[in-house]
Amino acid sequence: MAMVFVETLDKCFENVCELDLIFHMDKVHYILNELVMGGMVLETNMTEIITRIEDQSKIEKQEVCEMPLGLRVAPVQTLYRST
């Protein structure tokens, strides 16, 4: 399972490094939550995990609203898989 986590991080960040983990902790947590939640393994298929992450990114891009003066505000709400 650890190997799936590392390989998924590598695919999502395109050659992951320590700085990716530090500056994108929210995305790292989302990926980990796709693998494990409440101590139970939810998914080990890397393709399925990446598909869900891409879907989440699309939703976040759709929800970003334009503010006056060109400011962008991302919504607070995020999508988590419920099982």
PDB file of N, CA and C in Angstrom:
ATOM      1  N   MET A   1       0.817  -1.181   0.000  1.00  0.00           N
ATOM      2  CA  MET A   1       0.000   0.000   0.000  1.00  0.00           C
ATOM      3  C   MET A   1       0.871   1.260   0.000  1.00  0.00           C
ATOM      4  N   ALA A   2       1.990   1.226   0.718  1.00  0.00           N
ATOM      5  CA  ALA A   2       2.887   2.382   0.728  1.00  0.00           C
ATOM      6  C   ALA A   2       3.410   2.662  -0.677  1.00  0.00           C
ATOM      7  N   MET A   3       3.673   1.606  -1.425  1.00  0.00           N
ATOM      8  CA  MET A   3       4.175   1.771  -2.793  1.00  0.00           C
ATOM      9  C   MET A   3       3.115   2.435  -3.679  1.00  0.00           C
ATOM     10  N   VAL A   4       1.856   2.063  -3.502  1.00  0.00           N
ATOM     11  CA  VAL A   4       0.770   2.690  -4.264  1.00  0.00           C
ATOM     12  C   VAL A   4       0.708   4.176  -3.934  1.00  0.00           C
ATOM     13  N   PHE A   5       0.856   4.529  -2.655  1.00  0.00           N
ATOM     14  CA  PHE A   5       0.831   5.933  -2.237  1.00  0.00           C
ATOM     15  C   PHE A   5       1.961   6.719  -2.892  1.00  0.00           C
ATOM     16  N   VAL A   6       3.161   6.173  -2.855  1.00  0.00           N
ATOM     17  CA  VAL A   6       4.331   6.849  -3.435  1.00  0.00           C
ATOM     18  C   VAL A   6       4.182   6.973  -4.949  1.00  0.00           C
ATOM     19  N   GLU A   7       3.738   5.919  -5.615  1.00  0.00           N
ATOM     20  CA  GLU A   7       3.571   5.966  -7.073  1.00  0.00           C
ATOM     21  C   GLU A   7       2.478   6.948  -7.470  1.00  0.00           C
ATOM     22  N   THR A   8       1.411   7.010  -6.679  1.00  0.00           N
ATOM     23  CA  THR A   8       0.338   7.955  -6.970  1.00  0.00           C
ATOM     24  C   THR A   8       0.827   9.395  -6.792  1.00  0.00           C
ATOM     25  N   LEU A   9       1.566   9.645  -5.724  1.00  0.00           N
ATOM     26  CA  LEU A   9       2.151  10.980  -5.531  1.00  0.00           C
ATOM     27  C   LEU A   9       3.044  11.349  -6.706  1.00  0.00           C
ATOM     28  N   ASP A  10       3.838  10.387  -7.170  1.00  0.00           N
ATOM     29  CA  ASP A  10       4.753  10.636  -8.276  1.00  0.00           C
ATOM     30  C   ASP A  10       3.992  10.985  -9.551  1.00  0.00           C
ATOM     31  N   LYS A  11       2.883  10.307  -9.795  1.00  0.00           N
ATOM     32  CA  LYS A  11       2.085  10.611 -10.998  1.00  0.00           C
ATOM     33  C   LYS A  11       1.396  11.965 -10.880  1.00  0.00           C
ATOM     34  N   CYS A  12       0.870  12.269  -9.688  1.00  0.00           N
ATOM     35  CA  CYS A  12       0.138  13.527  -9.507  1.00  0.00           C
ATOM     36  C   CYS A  12       1.045  14.745  -9.540  1.00  0.00           C
ATOM     37  N   PHE A  13       2.237  14.620  -8.986  1.00  0.00           N
ATOM     38  CA  PHE A  13       3.153  15.761  -8.918  1.00  0.00           C
ATOM     39  C   PHE A  13       4.242  15.703  -9.980  1.00  0.00           C
ATOM     40  N   GLU A  14       4.221  14.696 -10.833  1.00  0.00           N
ATOM     41  CA  GLU A  14       5.218  14.548 -11.895  1.00  0.00           C
ATOM     42  C   GLU A  14       6.626  14.616 -11.320  1.00  0.00           C
ATOM     43  N   ASN A  15       7.075  13.520 -10.783  1.00  0.00           N
ATOM     44  CA  ASN A  15       8.388  13.387 -10.137  1.00  0.00           C
ATOM     45  C   ASN A  15       8.394  14.130  -8.802  1.00  0.00           C
ATOM     46  N   VAL A  16       7.648  13.583  -7.857  1.00  0.00           N
ATOM     47  CA  VAL A  16       7.436  14.193  -6.543  1.00  0.00           C
ATOM     48  C   VAL A  16       8.754  14.378  -5.785  1.00  0.00           C
ATOM     49  N   CYS A  17       8.807  15.470  -5.027  1.00  0.00           N
ATOM     50  CA  CYS A  17       9.960  15.723  -4.155  1.00  0.00           C
ATOM     51  C   CYS A  17       9.432  16.242  -2.818  1.00  0.00           C
ATOM     52  N   GLU A  18      10.328  16.450  -1.871  1.00  0.00           N
ATOM     53  CA  GLU A  18       9.932  16.873  -0.532  1.00  0.00           C
ATOM     54  C   GLU A  18       9.179  18.202  -0.546  1.00  0.00           C
ATOM     55  N   LEU A  19       9.570  19.105  -1.416  1.00  0.00           N
ATOM     56  CA  LEU A  19       8.908  20.410  -1.482  1.00  0.00           C
ATOM     57  C   LEU A  19       7.458  20.289  -1.926  1.00  0.00           C
ATOM     58  N   ASP A  20       7.165  19.327  -2.805  1.00  0.00           N
ATOM     59  CA  ASP A  20       5.777  19.094  -3.199  1.00  0.00           C
ATOM     60  C   ASP A  20       4.945  18.701  -1.987  1.00  0.00           C
ATOM     61  N   LEU A  21       5.505  17.861  -1.136  1.00  0.00           N
ATOM     62  CA  LEU A  21       4.790  17.415   0.059  1.00  0.00           C
ATOM     63  C   LEU A  21       4.564  18.565   1.032  1.00  0.00           C
ATOM     64  N   ILE A  22       5.511  19.467   1.122  1.00  0.00           N
ATOM     65  CA  ILE A  22       5.394  20.595   2.047  1.00  0.00           C
ATOM     66  C   ILE A  22       4.403  21.634   1.535  1.00  0.00           C
ATOM     67  N   PHE A  23       4.525  22.020   0.269  1.00  0.00           N
ATOM     68  CA  PHE A  23       3.713  23.114  -0.264  1.00  0.00           C
ATOM     69  C   PHE A  23       2.342  22.690  -0.772  1.00  0.00           C
ATOM     70  N   HIS A  24       2.109  21.391  -0.897  1.00  0.00           N
ATOM     71  CA  HIS A  24       0.811  20.902  -1.368  1.00  0.00           C
ATOM     72  C   HIS A  24       0.267  19.858  -0.402  1.00  0.00           C
ATOM     73  N   MET A  25       0.373  20.152   0.890  1.00  0.00           N
ATOM     74  CA  MET A  25      -0.051  19.212   1.922  1.00  0.00           C
ATOM     75  C   MET A  25      -1.530  18.855   1.791  1.00  0.00           C
ATOM     76  N   ASP A  26      -2.366  19.813   1.363  1.00  0.00           N
ATOM     77  CA  ASP A  26      -3.790  19.524   1.207  1.00  0.00           C
ATOM     78  C   ASP A  26      -4.028  18.445   0.154  1.00  0.00           C
ATOM     79  N   LYS A  27      -3.312  18.522  -0.950  1.00  0.00           N
ATOM     80  CA  LYS A  27      -3.458  17.514  -1.998  1.00  0.00           C
ATOM     81  C   LYS A  27      -2.915  16.159  -1.538  1.00  0.00           C
ATOM     82  N   VAL A  28      -1.810  16.174  -0.793  1.00  0.00           N
ATOM     83  CA  VAL A  28      -1.240  14.939  -0.259  1.00  0.00           C
ATOM     84  C   VAL A  28      -2.239  14.270   0.683  1.00  0.00           C
ATOM     85  N   HIS A  29      -2.885  15.067   1.545  1.00  0.00           N
ATOM     86  CA  HIS A  29      -3.892  14.509   2.443  1.00  0.00           C
ATOM     87  C   HIS A  29      -5.081  13.954   1.675  1.00  0.00           C
ATOM     88  N   TYR A  30      -5.478  14.635   0.627  1.00  0.00           N
ATOM     89  CA  TYR A  30      -6.594  14.139  -0.187  1.00  0.00           C
ATOM     90  C   TYR A  30      -6.240  12.787  -0.811  1.00  0.00           C
ATOM     91  N   ILE A  31      -5.032  12.667  -1.334  1.00  0.00           N
ATOM     92  CA  ILE A  31      -4.593  11.398  -1.928  1.00  0.00           C
ATOM     93  C   ILE A  31      -4.569  10.304  -0.871  1.00  0.00           C
ATOM     94  N   LEU A  32      -4.048  10.613   0.297  1.00  0.00           N
ATOM     95  CA  LEU A  32      -4.000   9.629   1.378  1.00  0.00           C
ATOM     96  C   LEU A  32      -5.404   9.234   1.819  1.00  0.00           C
ATOM     97  N   ASN A  33      -6.329  10.199   1.851  1.00  0.00           N
ATOM     98  CA  ASN A  33      -7.719   9.885   2.203  1.00  0.00           C
ATOM     99  C   ASN A  33      -8.398   9.014   1.160  1.00  0.00           C
ATOM    100  N   GLU A  34      -7.945   9.060  -0.068  1.00  0.00           N
ATOM    101  CA  GLU A  34      -8.484   8.168  -1.087  1.00  0.00           C
ATOM    102  C   GLU A  34      -8.007   6.734  -0.859  1.00  0.00           C
ATOM    103  N   LEU A  35      -6.834   6.584  -0.269  1.00  0.00           N
ATOM    104  CA  LEU A  35      -6.279   5.259   0.021  1.00  0.00           C
ATOM    105  C   LEU A  35      -6.817   4.691   1.329  1.00  0.00           C
ATOM    106  N   VAL A  36      -6.742   5.484   2.383  1.00  0.00           N
ATOM    107  CA  VAL A  36      -7.067   5.012   3.728  1.00  0.00           C
ATOM    108  C   VAL A  36      -7.955   6.027   4.417  1.00  0.00           C
ATOM    109  N   MET A  37      -8.995   5.537   5.100  1.00  0.00           N
ATOM    110  CA  MET A  37      -9.828   6.417   5.905  1.00  0.00           C
ATOM    111  C   MET A  37     -10.309   5.637   7.120  1.00  0.00           C
ATOM    112  N   GLY A  38     -10.114   6.197   8.283  1.00  0.00           N
ATOM    113  CA  GLY A  38     -10.542   5.541   9.509  1.00  0.00           C
ATOM    114  C   GLY A  38      -9.811   4.237   9.762  1.00  0.00           C
ATOM    115  N   GLY A  39      -8.590   4.131   9.279  1.00  0.00           N
ATOM    116  CA  GLY A  39      -7.806   2.924   9.488  1.00  0.00           C
ATOM    117  C   GLY A  39      -8.127   1.795   8.527  1.00  0.00           C
ATOM    118  N   MET A  40      -9.047   2.031   7.607  1.00  0.00           N
ATOM    119  CA  MET A  40      -9.426   0.998   6.640  1.00  0.00           C
ATOM    120  C   MET A  40      -8.931   1.374   5.250  1.00  0.00           C
ATOM    121  N   VAL A  41      -8.416   0.396   4.540  1.00  0.00           N
ATOM    122  CA  VAL A  41      -7.960   0.620   3.171  1.00  0.00           C
ATOM    123  C   VAL A  41      -9.195   0.730   2.277  1.00  0.00           C
ATOM    124  N   LEU A  42      -9.310   1.858   1.572  1.00  0.00           N
ATOM    125  CA  LEU A  42     -10.449   2.087   0.698  1.00  0.00           C
ATOM    126  C   LEU A  42     -10.159   1.712  -0.752  1.00  0.00           C
ATOM    127  N   GLU A  43      -8.968   2.054  -1.208  1.00  0.00           N
ATOM    128  CA  GLU A  43      -8.651   1.862  -2.621  1.00  0.00           C
ATOM    129  C   GLU A  43      -7.161   1.632  -2.785  1.00  0.00           C
ATOM    130  N   THR A  44      -6.805   0.654  -3.621  1.00  0.00           N
ATOM    131  CA  THR A  44      -5.394   0.421  -3.927  1.00  0.00           C
ATOM    132  C   THR A  44      -5.122   0.490  -5.426  1.00  0.00           C
ATOM    133  N   ASN A  45      -6.161   0.737  -6.213  1.00  0.00           N
ATOM    134  CA  ASN A  45      -6.008   0.869  -7.660  1.00  0.00           C
ATOM    135  C   ASN A  45      -5.574   2.298  -7.981  1.00  0.00           C
ATOM    136  N   MET A  46      -4.331   2.457  -8.406  1.00  0.00           N
ATOM    137  CA  MET A  46      -3.769   3.777  -8.656  1.00  0.00           C
ATOM    138  C   MET A  46      -4.549   4.536  -9.733  1.00  0.00           C
ATOM    139  N   THR A  47      -5.025   3.856 -10.745  1.00  0.00           N
ATOM    140  CA  THR A  47      -5.790   4.511 -11.810  1.00  0.00           C
ATOM    141  C   THR A  47      -7.075   5.113 -11.263  1.00  0.00           C
ATOM    142  N   GLU A  48      -7.751   4.398 -10.391  1.00  0.00           N
ATOM    143  CA  GLU A  48      -8.988   4.890  -9.779  1.00  0.00           C
ATOM    144  C   GLU A  48      -8.708   6.104  -8.893  1.00  0.00           C
ATOM    145  N   ILE A  49      -7.639   6.060  -8.149  1.00  0.00           N
ATOM    146  CA  ILE A  49      -7.268   7.174  -7.272  1.00  0.00           C
ATOM    147  C   ILE A  49      -6.965   8.419  -8.092  1.00  0.00           C
ATOM    148  N   ILE A  50      -6.195   8.261  -9.149  1.00  0.00           N
ATOM    149  CA  ILE A  50      -5.838   9.398 -10.005  1.00  0.00           C
ATOM    150  C   ILE A  50      -7.084   9.971 -10.684  1.00  0.00           C
ATOM    151  N   THR A  51      -8.005   9.111 -11.098  1.00  0.00           N
ATOM    152  CA  THR A  51      -9.253   9.576 -11.705  1.00  0.00           C
ATOM    153  C   THR A  51     -10.035  10.441 -10.727  1.00  0.00           C
ATOM    154  N   ARG A  52     -10.120  10.012  -9.487  1.00  0.00           N
ATOM    155  CA  ARG A  52     -10.841  10.788  -8.466  1.00  0.00           C
ATOM    156  C   ARG A  52     -10.144  12.122  -8.184  1.00  0.00           C
ATOM    157  N   ILE A  53      -8.838  12.129  -8.191  1.00  0.00           N
ATOM    158  CA  ILE A  53      -8.090  13.367  -7.955  1.00  0.00           C
ATOM    159  C   ILE A  53      -8.300  14.341  -9.113  1.00  0.00           C
ATOM    160  N   GLU A  54      -8.293  13.827 -10.339  1.00  0.00           N
ATOM    161  CA  GLU A  54      -8.551  14.678 -11.505  1.00  0.00           C
ATOM    162  C   GLU A  54      -9.971  15.226 -11.471  1.00  0.00           C
ATOM    163  N   ASP A  55     -10.935  14.398 -11.059  1.00  0.00           N
ATOM    164  CA  ASP A  55     -12.321  14.862 -10.926  1.00  0.00           C
ATOM    165  C   ASP A  55     -12.418  15.982  -9.892  1.00  0.00           C
ATOM    166  N   GLN A  56     -11.710  15.812  -8.774  1.00  0.00           N
ATOM    167  CA  GLN A  56     -11.706  16.837  -7.724  1.00  0.00           C
ATOM    168  C   GLN A  56     -11.116  18.142  -8.254  1.00  0.00           C
ATOM    169  N   SER A  57     -10.048  18.058  -9.022  1.00  0.00           N
ATOM    170  CA  SER A  57      -9.427  19.262  -9.591  1.00  0.00           C
ATOM    171  C   SER A  57     -10.377  19.976 -10.531  1.00  0.00           C
ATOM    172  N   LYS A  58     -11.121  19.220 -11.345  1.00  0.00           N
ATOM    173  CA  LYS A  58     -12.093  19.820 -12.258  1.00  0.00           C
ATOM    174  C   LYS A  58     -13.184  20.554 -11.488  1.00  0.00           C
ATOM    175  N   ILE A  59     -13.664  19.931 -10.404  1.00  0.00           N
ATOM    176  CA  ILE A  59     -14.703  20.559  -9.598  1.00  0.00           C
ATOM    177  C   ILE A  59     -14.184  21.842  -8.969  1.00  0.00           C
ATOM    178  N   GLU A  60     -12.959  21.812  -8.447  1.00  0.00           N
ATOM    179  CA  GLU A  60     -12.386  23.008  -7.832  1.00  0.00           C
ATOM    180  C   GLU A  60     -12.228  24.132  -8.846  1.00  0.00           C
ATOM    181  N   LYS A  61     -11.819  23.800 -10.063  1.00  0.00           N
ATOM    182  CA  LYS A  61     -11.659  24.832 -11.100  1.00  0.00           C
ATOM    183  C   LYS A  61     -12.995  25.437 -11.490  1.00  0.00           C
ATOM    184  N   GLN A  62     -14.053  24.621 -11.500  1.00  0.00           N
ATOM    185  CA  GLN A  62     -15.384  25.123 -11.839  1.00  0.00           C
ATOM    186  C   GLN A  62     -15.931  26.048 -10.759  1.00  0.00           C
ATOM    187  N   GLU A  63     -15.559  25.773  -9.496  1.00  0.00           N
ATOM    188  CA  GLU A  63     -16.108  26.529  -8.384  1.00  0.00           C
ATOM    189  C   GLU A  63     -15.348  27.821  -8.078  1.00  0.00           C
ATOM    190  N   VAL A  64     -14.190  27.983  -8.682  1.00  0.00           N
ATOM    191  CA  VAL A  64     -13.427  29.206  -8.442  1.00  0.00           C
ATOM    192  C   VAL A  64     -14.195  30.369  -9.057  1.00  0.00           C
ATOM    193  N   CYS A  65     -14.427  31.381  -8.257  1.00  0.00           N
ATOM    194  CA  CYS A  65     -15.202  32.517  -8.769  1.00  0.00           C
ATOM    195  C   CYS A  65     -14.305  33.743  -8.893  1.00  0.00           C
ATOM    196  N   GLU A  66     -14.585  34.527  -9.878  1.00  0.00           N
ATOM    197  CA  GLU A  66     -13.828  35.759 -10.114  1.00  0.00           C
ATOM    198  C   GLU A  66     -14.315  36.848  -9.167  1.00  0.00           C
ATOM    199  N   MET A  67     -13.384  37.526  -8.544  1.00  0.00           N
ATOM    200  CA  MET A  67     -13.687  38.648  -7.658  1.00  0.00           C
ATOM    201  C   MET A  67     -13.263  39.933  -8.370  1.00  0.00           C
ATOM    202  N   PRO A  68     -13.768  41.083  -7.920  1.00  0.00           N
ATOM    203  CA  PRO A  68     -13.333  42.348  -8.504  1.00  0.00           C
ATOM    204  C   PRO A  68     -11.817  42.519  -8.394  1.00  0.00           C
ATOM    205  N   LEU A  69     -11.242  43.242  -9.284  1.00  0.00           N
ATOM    206  CA  LEU A  69      -9.819  43.523  -9.341  1.00  0.00           C
ATOM    207  C   LEU A  69      -8.990  42.279  -9.650  1.00  0.00           C
ATOM    208  N   GLY A  70      -9.616  41.264 -10.234  1.00  0.00           N
ATOM    209  CA  GLY A  70      -8.885  40.079 -10.655  1.00  0.00           C
ATOM    210  C   GLY A  70      -8.503  39.125  -9.538  1.00  0.00           C
ATOM    211  N   LEU A  71      -9.040  39.318  -8.349  1.00  0.00           N
ATOM    212  CA  LEU A  71      -8.734  38.403  -7.250  1.00  0.00           C
ATOM    213  C   LEU A  71      -9.510  37.104  -7.436  1.00  0.00           C
ATOM    214  N   ARG A  72      -8.856  35.996  -7.139  1.00  0.00           N
ATOM    215  CA  ARG A  72      -9.530  34.701  -7.231  1.00  0.00           C
ATOM    216  C   ARG A  72      -9.718  34.155  -5.823  1.00  0.00           C
ATOM    217  N   VAL A  73     -10.895  33.642  -5.574  1.00  0.00           N
ATOM    218  CA  VAL A  73     -11.185  33.047  -4.273  1.00  0.00           C
ATOM    219  C   VAL A  73     -11.650  31.626  -4.505  1.00  0.00           C
ATOM    220  N   ALA A  74     -10.961  30.695  -3.910  1.00  0.00           N
ATOM    221  CA  ALA A  74     -11.348  29.293  -4.024  1.00  0.00           C
ATOM    222  C   ALA A  74     -12.392  28.982  -2.966  1.00  0.00           C
ATOM    223  N   PRO A  75     -13.330  28.102  -3.275  1.00  0.00           N
ATOM    224  CA  PRO A  75     -14.345  27.736  -2.293  1.00  0.00           C
ATOM    225  C   PRO A  75     -13.735  26.949  -1.140  1.00  0.00           C
ATOM    226  N   VAL A  76     -14.336  27.076   0.010  1.00  0.00           N
ATOM    227  CA  VAL A  76     -13.860  26.372   1.202  1.00  0.00           C
ATOM    228  C   VAL A  76     -14.189  24.889   1.111  1.00  0.00           C
ATOM    229  N   GLN A  77     -15.292  24.590   0.512  1.00  0.00           N
ATOM    230  CA  GLN A  77     -15.802  23.230   0.451  1.00  0.00           C
ATOM    231  C   GLN A  77     -14.972  22.346  -0.477  1.00  0.00           C
ATOM    232  N   THR A  78     -14.671  21.125  -0.045  1.00  0.00           N
ATOM    233  CA  THR A  78     -13.991  20.153  -0.892  1.00  0.00           C
ATOM    234  C   THR A  78     -14.794  18.882  -0.932  1.00  0.00           C
ATOM    235  N   LEU A  79     -14.567  18.114  -1.958  1.00  0.00           N
ATOM    236  CA  LEU A  79     -15.306  16.883  -2.156  1.00  0.00           C
ATOM    237  C   LEU A  79     -14.497  15.717  -1.611  1.00  0.00           C
ATOM    238  N   TYR A  80     -15.089  14.963  -0.713  1.00  0.00           N
ATOM    239  CA  TYR A  80     -14.459  13.750  -0.204  1.00  0.00           C
ATOM    240  C   TYR A  80     -15.380  12.585  -0.485  1.00  0.00           C
ATOM    241  N   ARG A  81     -14.782  11.484  -0.837  1.00  0.00           N
ATOM    242  CA  ARG A  81     -15.545  10.283  -1.155  1.00  0.00           C
ATOM    243  C   ARG A  81     -16.141   9.723   0.124  1.00  0.00           C
ATOM    244  N   SER A  82     -17.415   9.437   0.097  1.00  0.00           N
ATOM    245  CA  SER A  82     -18.051   8.810   1.257  1.00  0.00           C
ATOM    246  C   SER A  82     -18.330   7.353   0.932  1.00  0.00           C
ATOM    247  N   THR A  83     -17.933   6.496   1.847  1.00  0.00           N
ATOM    248  CA  THR A  83     -18.179   5.065   1.658  1.00  0.00           C
ATOM    249  C   THR A  83     -18.796   4.488   2.897  1.00  0.00           C
TER     250      THR A  83
END
